[in-house]
Amino acid sequence: MFANADRTGDFMQTVTVAGNEMLKFFRSRKFLMFGALVVALLALTTLLPYAIGSGISGSAGDVFSNYIGYSSFIVLLGATLFASYTIVSEFEERTALVLFTRPIRRSTIFLGKFAACFVLTAAVMVVYYMVAVAVAFAVTGDLVTSFLPSLAMCLAYVFATTGVAMLISSVMSRGGASAVMTFITILLLVSVVSSVISVAGTDPWFMLDSASNAISNSVPEYVSGSNEMMGEIGSGLGVSMDGALVEPADCLRSGAVMLVWGAATLMLSYLAFSRTVSYTHLRAHET
């Protein structure tokens, strides 16, 4: 009975930490900037074709695929703006000595911060997908049936990037540097490693950037549209583009890779976080 009470208390404390963290995000300019960017992407993707006179055409899947290419970038921005700040900000804003010395488990604080970052970015992506599905339905009168695998891959990518960002946040001393390192690591460094592996003759399917391609490649219309475009480019240049063709995603494998990336980086982040909290407790006792 007492063990159940402890678990209930830990859960409620986790919810409280997550709620406070999300409230802090909502009050910041970063959330307004993030929301404005997502709205701008939706507006431009929807209205720009009509502004230039071509309009939106094709099947519901074709219309939906116009939006899907931005998903991974929006997730990256969410990780950069929120998860990369969630731990390091406690030291930068000098609130660590208050928070980390309270009678709350380290795991409770860490899970609360993770939950806030994950839920916030995931909720924005769900809304983004629902708007894309609604626009496709409004234009074609048909409901997109292929968005669920893509959404599942997108949420797995949110989990992975949140883990990477929190790991970086756990070892950095400044929020700005943490954000820059998160953005560069996910967007550039991981891709460089994947390119080196590819040049060496090995398929980098286990790399985060390769697995994240499943977000778009799980949509059949995106795959067929991309390959059709590459075929037209190849015909115009008089070269074969077979090596650049997009293959349908292996969602099970890609999803598993992203979950492993998220779990591994979160475990490392927690270890770094625990060491930092121990040091904070030591400083609090010394003062």
C-alpha atoms as a PDB file:
ATOM      1  CA  MET A   1       0.000   0.000   0.000  1.00  0.00           C
ATOM      2  CA  PHE A   2       2.806   2.408   0.910  1.00  0.00           C
ATOM      3  CA  ALA A   3       4.655   1.522  -2.306  1.00  0.00           C
ATOM      4  CA  ASN A   4       1.547   2.364  -4.341  1.00  0.00           C
ATOM      5  CA  ALA A   5       1.235   5.650  -2.472  1.00  0.00           C
ATOM      6  CA  ASP A   6       4.875   6.466  -3.247  1.00  0.00           C
ATOM      7  CA  ARG A   7       4.351   5.704  -6.931  1.00  0.00           C
ATOM      8  CA  THR A   8       1.228   7.862  -6.999  1.00  0.00           C
ATOM      9  CA  GLY A   9       3.125  10.694  -5.323  1.00  0.00           C
ATOM     10  CA  ASP A  10       6.016  10.397  -7.774  1.00  0.00           C
ATOM     11  CA  PHE A  11       3.599  10.421 -10.701  1.00  0.00           C
ATOM     12  CA  MET A  12       1.804  13.524  -9.440  1.00  0.00           C
ATOM     13  CA  GLN A  13       5.139  15.257  -8.855  1.00  0.00           C
ATOM     14  CA  THR A  14       6.194  14.355 -12.404  1.00  0.00           C
ATOM     15  CA  VAL A  15       2.953  15.845 -13.724  1.00  0.00           C
ATOM     16  CA  THR A  16       3.557  18.969 -11.645  1.00  0.00           C
ATOM     17  CA  VAL A  17       7.116  19.374 -12.941  1.00  0.00           C
ATOM     18  CA  ALA A  18       5.901  18.845 -16.516  1.00  0.00           C
ATOM     19  CA  GLY A  19       3.089  21.347 -16.065  1.00  0.00           C
ATOM     20  CA  ASN A  20       5.415  23.993 -14.654  1.00  0.00           C
ATOM     21  CA  GLU A  21       7.901  23.410 -17.454  1.00  0.00           C
ATOM     22  CA  MET A  22       5.212  23.722 -20.126  1.00  0.00           C
ATOM     23  CA  LEU A  23       3.892  26.882 -18.468  1.00  0.00           C
ATOM     24  CA  LYS A  24       7.398  28.326 -18.628  1.00  0.00           C
ATOM     25  CA  PHE A  25       7.549  27.470 -22.340  1.00  0.00           C
ATOM     26  CA  PHE A  26       4.142  29.019 -23.036  1.00  0.00           C
ATOM     27  CA  ARG A  27       5.221  32.270 -21.402  1.00  0.00           C
ATOM     28  CA  SER A  28       8.427  32.484 -23.432  1.00  0.00           C
ATOM     29  CA  ARG A  29       8.997  34.100 -26.782  1.00  0.00           C
ATOM     30  CA  LYS A  30      10.350  30.790 -28.077  1.00  0.00           C
ATOM     31  CA  PHE A  31       6.880  29.244 -28.074  1.00  0.00           C
ATOM     32  CA  LEU A  32       5.413  32.237 -29.910  1.00  0.00           C
ATOM     33  CA  MET A  33       8.210  32.021 -32.471  1.00  0.00           C
ATOM     34  CA  PHE A  34       7.709  28.292 -32.881  1.00  0.00           C
ATOM     35  CA  GLY A  35       3.953  28.647 -33.311  1.00  0.00           C
ATOM     36  CA  ALA A  36       4.345  31.531 -35.760  1.00  0.00           C
ATOM     37  CA  LEU A  37       6.754  29.514 -37.889  1.00  0.00           C
ATOM     38  CA  VAL A  38       4.417  26.519 -38.036  1.00  0.00           C
ATOM     39  CA  VAL A  39       1.482  28.743 -38.979  1.00  0.00           C
ATOM     40  CA  ALA A  40       3.620  30.455 -41.640  1.00  0.00           C
ATOM     41  CA  LEU A  41       4.620  27.105 -43.171  1.00  0.00           C
ATOM     42  CA  LEU A  42       1.006  25.962 -43.271  1.00  0.00           C
ATOM     43  CA  ALA A  43      -0.146  29.260 -44.780  1.00  0.00           C
ATOM     44  CA  LEU A  44       2.575  29.409 -47.422  1.00  0.00           C
ATOM     45  CA  THR A  45       2.129  25.772 -48.452  1.00  0.00           C
ATOM     46  CA  THR A  46      -1.633  26.263 -48.738  1.00  0.00           C
ATOM     47  CA  LEU A  47      -1.928  29.744 -50.214  1.00  0.00           C
ATOM     48  CA  LEU A  48       1.214  30.199 -52.308  1.00  0.00           C
ATOM     49  CA  PRO A  49       0.082  27.819 -55.093  1.00  0.00           C
ATOM     50  CA  TYR A  50      -3.090  29.898 -55.484  1.00  0.00           C
ATOM     51  CA  ALA A  51      -1.112  33.145 -55.379  1.00  0.00           C
ATOM     52  CA  ILE A  52       1.014  32.065 -58.360  1.00  0.00           C
ATOM     53  CA  GLY A  53      -2.038  30.792 -60.218  1.00  0.00           C
ATOM     54  CA  SER A  54      -1.464  27.048 -60.263  1.00  0.00           C
ATOM     55  CA  GLY A  55      -3.562  26.110 -57.250  1.00  0.00           C
ATOM     56  CA  ILE A  56      -3.534  22.766 -55.467  1.00  0.00           C
ATOM     57  CA  SER A  57      -4.414  19.681 -57.468  1.00  0.00           C
ATOM     58  CA  GLY A  58      -4.081  15.924 -57.377  1.00  0.00           C
ATOM     59  CA  SER A  59      -5.369  13.267 -55.038  1.00  0.00           C
ATOM     60  CA  ALA A  60      -5.760  13.727 -51.312  1.00  0.00           C
ATOM     61  CA  GLY A  61      -2.434  11.939 -50.824  1.00  0.00           C
ATOM     62  CA  ASP A  62      -0.755  14.274 -53.307  1.00  0.00           C
ATOM     63  CA  VAL A  63      -2.039  17.337 -51.467  1.00  0.00           C
ATOM     64  CA  PHE A  64      -1.000  15.900 -48.112  1.00  0.00           C
ATOM     65  CA  SER A  65       2.497  15.100 -49.383  1.00  0.00           C
ATOM     66  CA  ASN A  66       3.066  18.805 -50.057  1.00  0.00           C
ATOM     67  CA  TYR A  67       3.121  19.377 -46.303  1.00  0.00           C
ATOM     68  CA  ILE A  68       5.005  16.317 -45.148  1.00  0.00           C
ATOM     69  CA  GLY A  69       8.458  17.428 -46.282  1.00  0.00           C
ATOM     70  CA  TYR A  70       8.609  20.093 -43.557  1.00  0.00           C
ATOM     71  CA  SER A  71       7.781  17.759 -40.661  1.00  0.00           C
ATOM     72  CA  SER A  72      11.322  16.762 -39.707  1.00  0.00           C
ATOM     73  CA  PHE A  73      12.481  20.394 -39.776  1.00  0.00           C
ATOM     74  CA  ILE A  74       9.640  21.484 -37.486  1.00  0.00           C
ATOM     75  CA  VAL A  75      10.525  18.670 -35.071  1.00  0.00           C
ATOM     76  CA  LEU A  76      14.160  19.789 -35.116  1.00  0.00           C
ATOM     77  CA  LEU A  77      13.101  23.339 -34.251  1.00  0.00           C
ATOM     78  CA  GLY A  78      10.962  22.051 -31.392  1.00  0.00           C
ATOM     79  CA  ALA A  79      13.906  20.119 -29.943  1.00  0.00           C
ATOM     80  CA  THR A  80      16.181  23.136 -30.386  1.00  0.00           C
ATOM     81  CA  LEU A  81      13.820  25.644 -28.790  1.00  0.00           C
ATOM     82  CA  PHE A  82      12.580  23.532 -25.886  1.00  0.00           C
ATOM     83  CA  ALA A  83      14.501  20.344 -25.049  1.00  0.00           C
ATOM     84  CA  SER A  84      17.928  21.927 -25.552  1.00  0.00           C
ATOM     85  CA  TYR A  85      17.092  24.527 -22.879  1.00  0.00           C
ATOM     86  CA  THR A  86      15.151  22.457 -20.358  1.00  0.00           C
ATOM     87  CA  ILE A  87      18.066  21.427 -18.103  1.00  0.00           C
ATOM     88  CA  VAL A  88      20.767  23.995 -18.789  1.00  0.00           C
ATOM     89  CA  SER A  89      18.312  26.856 -18.217  1.00  0.00           C
ATOM     90  CA  GLU A  90      18.028  25.907 -14.542  1.00  0.00           C
ATOM     91  CA  PHE A  91      21.684  26.857 -14.101  1.00  0.00           C
ATOM     92  CA  GLU A  92      21.644  29.820 -16.422  1.00  0.00           C
ATOM     93  CA  GLU A  93      18.631  31.311 -14.612  1.00  0.00           C
ATOM     94  CA  ARG A  94      20.088  30.349 -11.187  1.00  0.00           C
ATOM     95  CA  THR A  95      17.056  28.266 -10.197  1.00  0.00           C
ATOM     96  CA  ALA A  96      18.984  24.985  -9.902  1.00  0.00           C
ATOM     97  CA  LEU A  97      19.871  25.439  -6.231  1.00  0.00           C
ATOM     98  CA  VAL A  98      16.161  25.812  -5.458  1.00  0.00           C
ATOM     99  CA  LEU A  99      14.757  23.049  -7.665  1.00  0.00           C
ATOM    100  CA  PHE A 100      17.434  20.386  -7.300  1.00  0.00           C
ATOM    101  CA  THR A 101      17.651  20.640  -3.511  1.00  0.00           C
ATOM    102  CA  ARG A 102      13.939  20.078  -2.931  1.00  0.00           C
ATOM    103  CA  PRO A 103      12.765  16.657  -1.652  1.00  0.00           C
ATOM    104  CA  ILE A 104      11.894  15.439  -5.145  1.00  0.00           C
ATOM    105  CA  ARG A 105      13.445  12.431  -6.841  1.00  0.00           C
ATOM    106  CA  ARG A 106      15.926  13.186  -9.607  1.00  0.00           C
ATOM    107  CA  SER A 107      14.043  10.820 -11.901  1.00  0.00           C
ATOM    108  CA  THR A 108      10.814  12.727 -11.221  1.00  0.00           C
ATOM    109  CA  ILE A 109      12.361  16.044 -12.216  1.00  0.00           C
ATOM    110  CA  PHE A 110      14.009  14.548 -15.288  1.00  0.00           C
ATOM    111  CA  LEU A 111      10.876  12.716 -16.472  1.00  0.00           C
ATOM    112  CA  GLY A 112       8.771  15.831 -15.921  1.00  0.00           C
ATOM    113  CA  LYS A 113      11.093  17.921 -18.042  1.00  0.00           C
ATOM    114  CA  PHE A 114      11.218  15.249 -20.747  1.00  0.00           C
ATOM    115  CA  ALA A 115       7.430  14.898 -20.752  1.00  0.00           C
ATOM    116  CA  ALA A 116       6.958  18.648 -21.156  1.00  0.00           C
ATOM    117  CA  CYS A 117       9.326  18.844 -24.133  1.00  0.00           C
ATOM    118  CA  PHE A 118       7.983  15.720 -25.818  1.00  0.00           C
ATOM    119  CA  VAL A 119       4.292  16.476 -25.309  1.00  0.00           C
ATOM    120  CA  LEU A 120       4.606  20.077 -26.474  1.00  0.00           C
ATOM    121  CA  THR A 121       6.418  19.257 -29.729  1.00  0.00           C
ATOM    122  CA  ALA A 122       4.292  16.152 -30.345  1.00  0.00           C
ATOM    123  CA  ALA A 123       1.067  18.131 -29.845  1.00  0.00           C
ATOM    124  CA  VAL A 124       2.184  20.760 -32.355  1.00  0.00           C
ATOM    125  CA  MET A 125       3.000  18.032 -34.885  1.00  0.00           C
ATOM    126  CA  VAL A 126      -0.387  16.340 -34.395  1.00  0.00           C
ATOM    127  CA  VAL A 127      -2.096  19.677 -35.060  1.00  0.00           C
ATOM    128  CA  TYR A 128       0.123  20.207 -38.117  1.00  0.00           C
ATOM    129  CA  TYR A 129      -0.864  16.805 -39.508  1.00  0.00           C
ATOM    130  CA  MET A 130      -4.550  17.358 -38.810  1.00  0.00           C
ATOM    131  CA  VAL A 131      -4.484  20.682 -40.643  1.00  0.00           C
ATOM    132  CA  ALA A 132      -2.745  19.034 -43.624  1.00  0.00           C
ATOM    133  CA  VAL A 133      -5.352  16.250 -43.669  1.00  0.00           C
ATOM    134  CA  ALA A 134      -8.159  18.826 -43.405  1.00  0.00           C
ATOM    135  CA  VAL A 135      -6.783  20.860 -46.319  1.00  0.00           C
ATOM    136  CA  ALA A 136      -6.451  17.715 -48.436  1.00  0.00           C
ATOM    137  CA  PHE A 137     -10.064  16.812 -47.644  1.00  0.00           C
ATOM    138  CA  ALA A 138     -11.289  20.348 -48.368  1.00  0.00           C
ATOM    139  CA  VAL A 139      -9.534  20.413 -51.763  1.00  0.00           C
ATOM    140  CA  THR A 140     -10.296  16.886 -52.978  1.00  0.00           C
ATOM    141  CA  GLY A 141     -13.254  15.710 -50.909  1.00  0.00           C
ATOM    142  CA  ASP A 142     -11.304  12.555 -50.015  1.00  0.00           C
ATOM    143  CA  LEU A 143      -9.742  11.564 -46.719  1.00  0.00           C
ATOM    144  CA  VAL A 144      -6.021  10.778 -46.650  1.00  0.00           C
ATOM    145  CA  THR A 145      -5.554   7.205 -45.444  1.00  0.00           C
ATOM    146  CA  SER A 146      -1.748   7.127 -45.437  1.00  0.00           C
ATOM    147  CA  PHE A 147      -1.039   9.801 -42.828  1.00  0.00           C
ATOM    148  CA  LEU A 148      -1.040   7.525 -39.763  1.00  0.00           C
ATOM    149  CA  PRO A 149       2.277   5.712 -40.508  1.00  0.00           C
ATOM    150  CA  SER A 150       3.888   9.069 -41.232  1.00  0.00           C
ATOM    151  CA  LEU A 151       2.531  10.540 -37.996  1.00  0.00           C
ATOM    152  CA  ALA A 152       3.829   7.537 -36.044  1.00  0.00           C
ATOM    153  CA  MET A 153       7.294   8.011 -37.574  1.00  0.00           C
ATOM    154  CA  CYS A 154       7.111  11.723 -36.805  1.00  0.00           C
ATOM    155  CA  LEU A 155       6.347  11.081 -33.131  1.00  0.00           C
ATOM    156  CA  ALA A 156       9.217   8.581 -32.964  1.00  0.00           C
ATOM    157  CA  TYR A 157      11.470  11.306 -34.371  1.00  0.00           C
ATOM    158  CA  VAL A 158      10.199  13.732 -31.715  1.00  0.00           C
ATOM    159  CA  PHE A 159      11.206  11.162 -29.087  1.00  0.00           C
ATOM    160  CA  ALA A 160      14.684  10.733 -30.615  1.00  0.00           C
ATOM    161  CA  THR A 161      15.450  14.429 -31.091  1.00  0.00           C
ATOM    162  CA  THR A 162      14.195  15.234 -27.600  1.00  0.00           C
ATOM    163  CA  GLY A 163      16.648  12.683 -26.226  1.00  0.00           C
ATOM    164  CA  VAL A 164      19.553  14.114 -28.216  1.00  0.00           C
ATOM    165  CA  ALA A 165      18.680  17.679 -27.217  1.00  0.00           C
ATOM    166  CA  MET A 166      18.357  16.807 -23.527  1.00  0.00           C
ATOM    167  CA  LEU A 167      21.710  15.013 -23.618  1.00  0.00           C
ATOM    168  CA  ILE A 168      23.349  18.136 -24.994  1.00  0.00           C
ATOM    169  CA  SER A 169      21.448  20.296 -22.499  1.00  0.00           C
ATOM    170  CA  SER A 170      22.767  18.111 -19.663  1.00  0.00           C
ATOM    171  CA  VAL A 171      26.416  18.766 -20.478  1.00  0.00           C
ATOM    172  CA  MET A 172      26.339  22.403 -21.605  1.00  0.00           C
ATOM    173  CA  SER A 173      26.602  25.476 -19.405  1.00  0.00           C
ATOM    174  CA  ARG A 174      24.757  27.996 -21.606  1.00  0.00           C
ATOM    175  CA  GLY A 175      21.324  27.714 -23.196  1.00  0.00           C
ATOM    176  CA  GLY A 176      22.351  29.459 -26.410  1.00  0.00           C
ATOM    177  CA  ALA A 177      25.311  27.146 -26.921  1.00  0.00           C
ATOM    178  CA  SER A 178      23.111  24.131 -26.173  1.00  0.00           C
ATOM    179  CA  ALA A 179      20.569  25.211 -28.789  1.00  0.00           C
ATOM    180  CA  VAL A 180      23.250  25.781 -31.434  1.00  0.00           C
ATOM    181  CA  MET A 181      24.897  22.423 -30.714  1.00  0.00           C
ATOM    182  CA  THR A 182      21.529  20.647 -30.857  1.00  0.00           C
ATOM    183  CA  PHE A 183      20.680  22.179 -34.221  1.00  0.00           C
ATOM    184  CA  ILE A 184      24.113  21.511 -35.706  1.00  0.00           C
ATOM    185  CA  THR A 185      24.334  17.977 -34.322  1.00  0.00           C
ATOM    186  CA  ILE A 186      20.977  16.786 -35.626  1.00  0.00           C
ATOM    187  CA  LEU A 187      20.970  18.712 -38.899  1.00  0.00           C
ATOM    188  CA  LEU A 188      24.650  18.529 -39.878  1.00  0.00           C
ATOM    189  CA  LEU A 189      26.916  16.267 -37.825  1.00  0.00           C
ATOM    190  CA  VAL A 190      24.659  13.207 -37.977  1.00  0.00           C
ATOM    191  CA  SER A 191      24.296  13.697 -41.744  1.00  0.00           C
ATOM    192  CA  VAL A 192      28.074  13.971 -42.173  1.00  0.00           C
ATOM    193  CA  VAL A 193      28.579  10.681 -40.344  1.00  0.00           C
ATOM    194  CA  SER A 194      25.889   9.074 -42.507  1.00  0.00           C
ATOM    195  CA  SER A 195      27.586  10.341 -45.659  1.00  0.00           C
ATOM    196  CA  VAL A 196      30.944   8.915 -44.564  1.00  0.00           C
ATOM    197  CA  ILE A 197      29.301   5.560 -43.851  1.00  0.00           C
ATOM    198  CA  SER A 198      27.644   5.611 -47.279  1.00  0.00           C
ATOM    199  CA  VAL A 199      30.922   6.418 -49.027  1.00  0.00           C
ATOM    200  CA  ALA A 200      32.462   3.449 -47.212  1.00  0.00           C
ATOM    201  CA  GLY A 201      29.873   1.235 -48.880  1.00  0.00           C
ATOM    202  CA  THR A 202      27.572   0.631 -45.902  1.00  0.00           C
ATOM    203  CA  ASP A 203      23.902   1.499 -45.726  1.00  0.00           C
ATOM    204  CA  PRO A 204      23.492   4.014 -42.829  1.00  0.00           C
ATOM    205  CA  TRP A 205      20.015   2.724 -41.973  1.00  0.00           C
ATOM    206  CA  PHE A 206      20.883   2.869 -38.275  1.00  0.00           C
ATOM    207  CA  MET A 207      21.600   6.618 -38.344  1.00  0.00           C
ATOM    208  CA  LEU A 208      18.984   9.064 -37.119  1.00  0.00           C
ATOM    209  CA  ASP A 209      18.768  11.103 -40.318  1.00  0.00           C
ATOM    210  CA  SER A 210      18.311   7.980 -42.444  1.00  0.00           C
ATOM    211  CA  ALA A 211      15.580   6.642 -40.172  1.00  0.00           C
ATOM    212  CA  SER A 212      13.788  10.010 -40.135  1.00  0.00           C
ATOM    213  CA  ASN A 213      13.292   9.787 -43.906  1.00  0.00           C
ATOM    214  CA  ALA A 214      10.475   7.369 -43.083  1.00  0.00           C
ATOM    215  CA  ILE A 215       8.358  10.364 -42.067  1.00  0.00           C
ATOM    216  CA  SER A 216       7.917  11.293 -45.711  1.00  0.00           C
ATOM    217  CA  ASN A 217       8.786   8.005 -47.415  1.00  0.00           C
ATOM    218  CA  SER A 218       5.936   6.238 -45.628  1.00  0.00           C
ATOM    219  CA  VAL A 219       3.495   8.242 -47.776  1.00  0.00           C
ATOM    220  CA  PRO A 220       3.112   6.474 -51.169  1.00  0.00           C
ATOM    221  CA  GLU A 221       2.185   9.662 -52.985  1.00  0.00           C
ATOM    222  CA  TYR A 222       5.326  11.379 -51.731  1.00  0.00           C
ATOM    223  CA  VAL A 223       7.484   8.507 -52.970  1.00  0.00           C
ATOM    224  CA  SER A 224       5.846   8.374 -56.411  1.00  0.00           C
ATOM    225  CA  GLY A 225       5.893  12.159 -56.776  1.00  0.00           C
ATOM    226  CA  SER A 226       9.567  12.425 -55.814  1.00  0.00           C
ATOM    227  CA  ASN A 227      10.577   9.634 -58.186  1.00  0.00           C
ATOM    228  CA  GLU A 228       8.570  11.180 -61.011  1.00  0.00           C
ATOM    229  CA  MET A 229      10.327  14.496 -60.464  1.00  0.00           C
ATOM    230  CA  MET A 230      13.751  12.813 -60.376  1.00  0.00           C
ATOM    231  CA  GLY A 231      12.893  10.995 -63.605  1.00  0.00           C
ATOM    232  CA  GLU A 232      12.035  14.279 -65.310  1.00  0.00           C
ATOM    233  CA  ILE A 233      15.285  15.844 -64.098  1.00  0.00           C
ATOM    234  CA  GLY A 234      17.257  12.849 -65.359  1.00  0.00           C
ATOM    235  CA  SER A 235      15.554  13.009 -68.751  1.00  0.00           C
ATOM    236  CA  GLY A 236      16.299  16.701 -69.062  1.00  0.00           C
ATOM    237  CA  LEU A 237      19.969  16.191 -68.197  1.00  0.00           C
ATOM    238  CA  GLY A 238      20.305  12.985 -70.182  1.00  0.00           C
ATOM    239  CA  VAL A 239      21.562  11.024 -67.156  1.00  0.00           C
ATOM    240  CA  SER A 240      20.252   8.164 -65.067  1.00  0.00           C
ATOM    241  CA  MET A 241      18.827   9.137 -61.678  1.00  0.00           C
ATOM    242  CA  ASP A 242      18.295   5.600 -60.426  1.00  0.00           C
ATOM    243  CA  GLY A 243      20.645   6.151 -57.510  1.00  0.00           C
ATOM    244  CA  ALA A 244      18.593   9.131 -56.316  1.00  0.00           C
ATOM    245  CA  LEU A 245      15.206   7.423 -56.393  1.00  0.00           C
ATOM    246  CA  VAL A 246      13.235   7.321 -53.158  1.00  0.00           C
ATOM    247  CA  GLU A 247      12.336   3.916 -51.769  1.00  0.00           C
ATOM    248  CA  PRO A 248       9.235   3.220 -49.656  1.00  0.00           C
ATOM    249  CA  ALA A 249      10.035   3.311 -45.953  1.00  0.00           C
ATOM    250  CA  ASP A 250      10.533   0.290 -43.742  1.00  0.00           C
ATOM    251  CA  CYS A 251       8.509   1.778 -40.909  1.00  0.00           C
ATOM    252  CA  LEU A 252       9.189  -0.977 -38.391  1.00  0.00           C
ATOM    253  CA  ARG A 253      12.949  -0.708 -38.798  1.00  0.00           C
ATOM    254  CA  SER A 254      13.035   3.080 -38.965  1.00  0.00           C
ATOM    255  CA  GLY A 255      10.720   3.452 -35.996  1.00  0.00           C
ATOM    256  CA  ALA A 256      12.845   1.042 -33.950  1.00  0.00           C
ATOM    257  CA  VAL A 257      16.021   2.961 -34.843  1.00  0.00           C
ATOM    258  CA  MET A 258      14.534   6.269 -33.715  1.00  0.00           C
ATOM    259  CA  LEU A 259      13.229   4.740 -30.482  1.00  0.00           C
ATOM    260  CA  VAL A 260      16.685   3.307 -29.742  1.00  0.00           C
ATOM    261  CA  TRP A 261      18.299   6.692 -30.417  1.00  0.00           C
ATOM    262  CA  GLY A 262      15.831   8.349 -28.065  1.00  0.00           C
ATOM    263  CA  ALA A 263      16.162   5.754 -25.300  1.00  0.00           C
ATOM    264  CA  ALA A 264      19.984   5.682 -25.459  1.00  0.00           C
ATOM    265  CA  THR A 265      20.416   9.460 -25.409  1.00  0.00           C
ATOM    266  CA  LEU A 266      17.852   9.857 -22.638  1.00  0.00           C
ATOM    267  CA  MET A 267      19.698   7.329 -20.466  1.00  0.00           C
ATOM    268  CA  LEU A 268      22.987   9.149 -21.045  1.00  0.00           C
ATOM    269  CA  SER A 269      21.259  12.441 -20.384  1.00  0.00           C
ATOM    270  CA  TYR A 270      19.890  11.173 -17.084  1.00  0.00           C
ATOM    271  CA  LEU A 271      23.341  10.010 -15.992  1.00  0.00           C
ATOM    272  CA  ALA A 272      24.805  13.432 -16.784  1.00  0.00           C
ATOM    273  CA  PHE A 273      21.831  15.102 -15.121  1.00  0.00           C
ATOM    274  CA  SER A 274      22.281  13.016 -11.957  1.00  0.00           C
ATOM    275  CA  ARG A 275      25.946  13.986 -11.686  1.00  0.00           C
ATOM    276  CA  THR A 276      25.018  17.636 -12.104  1.00  0.00           C
ATOM    277  CA  VAL A 277      22.330  17.391  -9.413  1.00  0.00           C
ATOM    278  CA  SER A 278      24.809  15.722  -7.037  1.00  0.00           C
ATOM    279  CA  TYR A 279      27.236  18.590  -7.573  1.00  0.00           C
ATOM    280  CA  THR A 280      24.425  21.076  -6.969  1.00  0.00           C
ATOM    281  CA  HIS A 281      23.541  19.384  -3.683  1.00  0.00           C
ATOM    282  CA  LEU A 282      27.207  19.560  -2.636  1.00  0.00           C
ATOM    283  CA  ARG A 283      27.355  23.267  -3.387  1.00  0.00           C
ATOM    284  CA  ALA A 284      24.106  23.848  -1.481  1.00  0.00           C
ATOM    285  CA  HIS A 285      25.511  22.112   1.607  1.00  0.00           C
ATOM    286  CA  GLU A 286      28.773  24.043   1.389  1.00  0.00           C
ATOM    287  CA  THR A 287      26.925  27.340   1.341  1.00  0.00           C
END
